[in-house]
Amino acid sequence: MISPWPPLETWLIPVFFLGLGGLFLLLAFALLEEYRKVFFSNPRAAMTFEVLAQLLNLGAPGYIGAVGLAAGGLFFVLGAAISIILVLVPLLEIVRQVFHAIAITFQ
């Protein structure tokens, strides 16, 4: 009988997406936490940096953090969905084979 489970290399895809999503989320939260500390300790300096970043088209730290959160969440959800699919599809195949074997027995 051929195993319905995917090979080991296939499992690297969701691990990659989960790791990349976790990294983006971690870095985005760290950036937003540091930005919050700077803003509450010296709001004028934080706003001056934000205006300068807008003038140079660099993007403000808050926007960069929000994009990082969105990208990290997307990658993390994608990795979780692929993991669930990689588990459910073989399980459904095993259940189908079991029902097929039971149906053949009762004929």
Protein backbone atom coordinates (compact mmCIF):
# COMPACT_ATOMS: atom_id res chain seq x y z
CA MET A 1 0.00 0.00 0.00
CA ILE A 2 1.25 3.44 -0.89
CA SER A 3 1.35 5.89 1.99
CA PRO A 4 -1.03 8.83 1.57
CA TRP A 5 1.20 11.09 3.67
CA PRO A 6 3.23 13.69 1.76
CA PRO A 7 7.02 13.39 1.73
CA LEU A 8 9.21 15.30 4.18
CA GLU A 9 10.16 17.96 1.62
CA THR A 10 6.49 18.93 1.28
CA TRP A 11 6.30 19.72 4.99
CA LEU A 12 9.06 22.33 4.57
CA ILE A 13 6.65 24.65 2.72
CA PRO A 14 4.31 25.32 5.67
CA VAL A 15 7.26 25.42 8.06
CA PHE A 16 8.82 28.13 5.88
CA PHE A 17 5.61 30.18 5.82
CA LEU A 18 5.05 29.77 9.57
CA GLY A 19 8.64 30.77 10.31
CA LEU A 20 8.58 33.76 7.97
CA GLY A 21 5.23 34.91 9.34
CA GLY A 22 6.45 34.56 12.92
CA LEU A 23 9.61 36.50 12.09
CA PHE A 24 7.65 39.33 10.44
CA LEU A 25 5.23 39.48 13.38
CA LEU A 26 8.07 39.52 15.89
CA LEU A 27 9.97 42.27 14.08
CA ALA A 28 6.84 44.36 13.50
CA PHE A 29 5.81 44.14 17.16
CA ALA A 30 9.36 45.05 18.24
CA LEU A 31 9.37 48.06 15.89
CA LEU A 32 5.98 49.27 17.11
CA GLU A 33 7.01 48.78 20.75
CA GLU A 34 10.18 50.85 20.28
CA TYR A 35 8.27 53.50 18.36
CA ARG A 36 5.71 53.68 21.18
CA LYS A 37 8.48 54.12 23.77
CA VAL A 38 10.08 56.91 21.74
CA PHE A 39 6.76 58.61 21.10
CA PHE A 40 5.72 58.64 24.76
CA SER A 41 9.14 59.72 26.02
CA ASN A 42 9.64 62.53 23.46
CA PRO A 43 6.65 63.13 21.15
CA ARG A 44 8.21 66.13 19.42
CA ALA A 45 11.30 64.16 18.32
CA ALA A 46 9.15 61.26 17.14
CA MET A 47 6.93 63.56 15.08
CA THR A 48 9.97 65.35 13.65
CA PHE A 49 11.41 62.02 12.54
CA GLU A 50 8.06 61.00 11.07
CA VAL A 51 7.76 64.24 9.08
CA LEU A 52 11.34 63.85 7.84
CA ALA A 53 10.66 60.25 6.84
CA GLN A 54 7.55 61.36 4.94
CA LEU A 55 9.51 64.07 3.11
CA LEU A 56 12.16 61.55 2.05
CA ASN A 57 9.49 58.96 1.09
CA LEU A 58 10.95 56.39 3.50
CA GLY A 59 7.72 55.56 5.26
CA ALA A 60 7.03 56.21 8.90
CA PRO A 61 7.80 53.50 11.48
CA GLY A 62 4.12 53.08 12.29
CA TYR A 63 3.27 52.35 8.67
CA ILE A 64 6.21 49.98 8.30
CA GLY A 65 5.11 48.16 11.46
CA ALA A 66 1.52 47.90 10.23
CA VAL A 67 2.65 46.49 6.87
CA GLY A 68 4.90 44.04 8.74
CA LEU A 69 1.98 42.93 10.90
CA ALA A 70 -0.23 42.42 7.85
CA ALA A 71 2.43 40.49 5.93
CA GLY A 72 3.35 38.40 8.97
CA GLY A 73 -0.27 37.57 9.67
CA LEU A 74 -0.83 36.62 6.03
CA PHE A 75 2.21 34.33 5.92
CA PHE A 76 1.33 32.76 9.28
CA VAL A 77 -2.27 32.05 8.25
CA LEU A 78 -1.08 30.68 4.90
CA GLY A 79 1.37 28.34 6.63
CA ALA A 80 -1.30 27.17 9.07
CA ALA A 81 -3.78 26.56 6.24
CA ILE A 82 -1.24 24.54 4.24
CA SER A 83 -0.42 22.50 7.37
CA ILE A 84 -4.09 21.75 7.96
CA ILE A 85 -4.53 20.72 4.32
CA LEU A 86 -1.46 18.47 4.46
CA VAL A 87 -2.97 16.68 7.46
CA LEU A 88 -6.62 16.51 6.40
CA VAL A 89 -6.19 15.26 2.83
CA PRO A 90 -4.28 12.08 3.81
CA LEU A 91 -6.68 11.45 6.69
CA LEU A 92 -9.63 11.66 4.32
CA GLU A 93 -7.86 9.22 1.98
CA ILE A 94 -7.31 6.79 4.86
CA VAL A 95 -10.99 7.04 5.85
CA ARG A 96 -12.00 6.45 2.23
CA GLN A 97 -9.80 3.37 2.05
CA VAL A 98 -11.23 2.02 5.31
CA PHE A 99 -14.81 2.48 4.08
CA HIS A 100 -13.88 0.86 0.79
CA ALA A 101 -12.38 -2.14 2.62
CA ILE A 102 -15.46 -2.47 4.82
CA ALA A 103 -17.76 -2.26 1.79
CA ILE A 104 -15.82 -5.01 0.00
CA THR A 105 -16.03 -7.24 3.09
CA PHE A 106 -19.82 -7.05 3.32
CA GLN A 107 -20.54 -7.95 -0.30
